Amino acid sequence: MAQVSIEISIENIAGMINNMDVKEIETLCILLNDEGQELLTRKKAAESKDFKFLSRDEVFTEF
């Protein structure tokens, strides 16, 4: 796997985080913990052509 290395100061990172809205901070927290990898995997699966979303009716229809 390719690696990229960049240098960003702590102050710069803190400034970026301070400028984030609540939703962006929540997303960042999720991506930085163990759930992040699972969410990225699900996102890739959802973006693939083999994936089909269910409609609300399909989900809540009784069989």
C-alpha atoms as a PDB file:
ATOM      1  CA  MET A   1       0.000   0.000   0.000  1.00  0.00           C
ATOM      2  CA  ALA A   2       1.276   3.456  -0.869  1.00  0.00           C
ATOM      3  CA  GLN A   3       2.095   5.860   1.932  1.00  0.00           C
ATOM      4  CA  VAL A   4       2.014   9.631   1.924  1.00  0.00           C
ATOM      5  CA  SER A   5       3.781  11.715   4.516  1.00  0.00           C
ATOM      6  CA  ILE A   6       2.913  15.353   5.184  1.00  0.00           C
ATOM      7  CA  GLU A   7       3.979  17.812   7.829  1.00  0.00           C
ATOM      8  CA  ILE A   8       1.257  19.886   9.470  1.00  0.00           C
ATOM      9  CA  SER A   9       1.762  21.794  12.688  1.00  0.00           C
ATOM     10  CA  ILE A  10      -0.383  20.990  15.726  1.00  0.00           C
ATOM     11  CA  GLU A  11      -1.610  24.579  15.726  1.00  0.00           C
ATOM     12  CA  ASN A  12      -2.792  24.191  12.123  1.00  0.00           C
ATOM     13  CA  ILE A  13      -4.646  20.963  12.944  1.00  0.00           C
ATOM     14  CA  ALA A  14      -6.222  22.582  16.022  1.00  0.00           C
ATOM     15  CA  GLY A  15      -7.352  25.513  13.882  1.00  0.00           C
ATOM     16  CA  MET A  16      -8.948  23.174  11.331  1.00  0.00           C
ATOM     17  CA  ILE A  17     -10.803  21.300  14.083  1.00  0.00           C
ATOM     18  CA  ASN A  18     -11.960  24.550  15.704  1.00  0.00           C
ATOM     19  CA  ASN A  19     -13.431  25.647  12.363  1.00  0.00           C
ATOM     20  CA  MET A  20     -15.430  22.417  11.908  1.00  0.00           C
ATOM     21  CA  ASP A  21     -19.153  22.292  12.548  1.00  0.00           C
ATOM     22  CA  VAL A  22     -20.681  19.719  14.898  1.00  0.00           C
ATOM     23  CA  LYS A  23     -21.434  17.201  12.141  1.00  0.00           C
ATOM     24  CA  GLU A  24     -17.860  17.337  10.822  1.00  0.00           C
ATOM     25  CA  ILE A  25     -16.456  16.817  14.342  1.00  0.00           C
ATOM     26  CA  GLU A  26     -18.765  13.829  14.894  1.00  0.00           C
ATOM     27  CA  THR A  27     -17.592  12.336  11.597  1.00  0.00           C
ATOM     28  CA  LEU A  28     -13.957  12.905  12.544  1.00  0.00           C
ATOM     29  CA  CYS A  29     -14.474  11.183  15.913  1.00  0.00           C
ATOM     30  CA  ILE A  30     -16.075   8.169  14.247  1.00  0.00           C
ATOM     31  CA  LEU A  31     -13.280   7.885  11.693  1.00  0.00           C
ATOM     32  CA  LEU A  32     -10.608   8.071  14.391  1.00  0.00           C
ATOM     33  CA  ASN A  33     -12.022   5.211  16.461  1.00  0.00           C
ATOM     34  CA  ASP A  34     -12.519   1.525  15.657  1.00  0.00           C
ATOM     35  CA  GLU A  35     -15.881   2.107  13.968  1.00  0.00           C
ATOM     36  CA  GLY A  36     -14.207   4.179  11.280  1.00  0.00           C
ATOM     37  CA  GLN A  37     -12.767   1.249   9.323  1.00  0.00           C
ATOM     38  CA  GLU A  38     -16.121  -0.547   9.315  1.00  0.00           C
ATOM     39  CA  LEU A  39     -17.884   2.600   8.090  1.00  0.00           C
ATOM     40  CA  LEU A  40     -15.367   3.054   5.283  1.00  0.00           C
ATOM     41  CA  THR A  41     -15.900  -0.575   4.256  1.00  0.00           C
ATOM     42  CA  ARG A  42     -19.678  -0.080   4.238  1.00  0.00           C
ATOM     43  CA  LYS A  43     -19.309   3.150   2.236  1.00  0.00           C
ATOM     44  CA  LYS A  44     -17.242   1.392  -0.422  1.00  0.00           C
ATOM     45  CA  ALA A  45     -19.802  -1.433  -0.573  1.00  0.00           C
ATOM     46  CA  ALA A  46     -22.643   1.070  -0.926  1.00  0.00           C
ATOM     47  CA  GLU A  47     -20.844   2.838  -3.770  1.00  0.00           C
ATOM     48  CA  SER A  48     -20.240  -0.394  -5.671  1.00  0.00           C
ATOM     49  CA  LYS A  49     -22.519  -1.419  -8.532  1.00  0.00           C
ATOM     50  CA  ASP A  50     -23.419  -4.700  -6.769  1.00  0.00           C
ATOM     51  CA  PHE A  51     -25.192  -2.894  -3.941  1.00  0.00           C
ATOM     52  CA  LYS A  52     -28.911  -2.066  -3.912  1.00  0.00           C
ATOM     53  CA  PHE A  53     -30.550   0.185  -1.345  1.00  0.00           C
ATOM     54  CA  LEU A  54     -33.975  -0.819  -0.073  1.00  0.00           C
ATOM     55  CA  SER A  55     -36.799   1.661  -0.207  1.00  0.00           C
ATOM     56  CA  ARG A  56     -38.720   2.563   2.929  1.00  0.00           C
ATOM     57  CA  ASP A  57     -41.656   0.480   1.679  1.00  0.00           C
ATOM     58  CA  GLU A  58     -39.423  -2.551   1.104  1.00  0.00           C
ATOM     59  CA  VAL A  59     -38.043  -2.303   4.618  1.00  0.00           C
ATOM     60  CA  PHE A  60     -41.347  -1.923   6.399  1.00  0.00           C
ATOM     61  CA  THR A  61     -43.570  -4.183   4.278  1.00  0.00           C
ATOM     62  CA  GLU A  62     -44.929  -7.187   6.149  1.00  0.00           C
ATOM     63  CA  PHE A  63     -44.459 -10.564   4.482  1.00  0.00           C
END
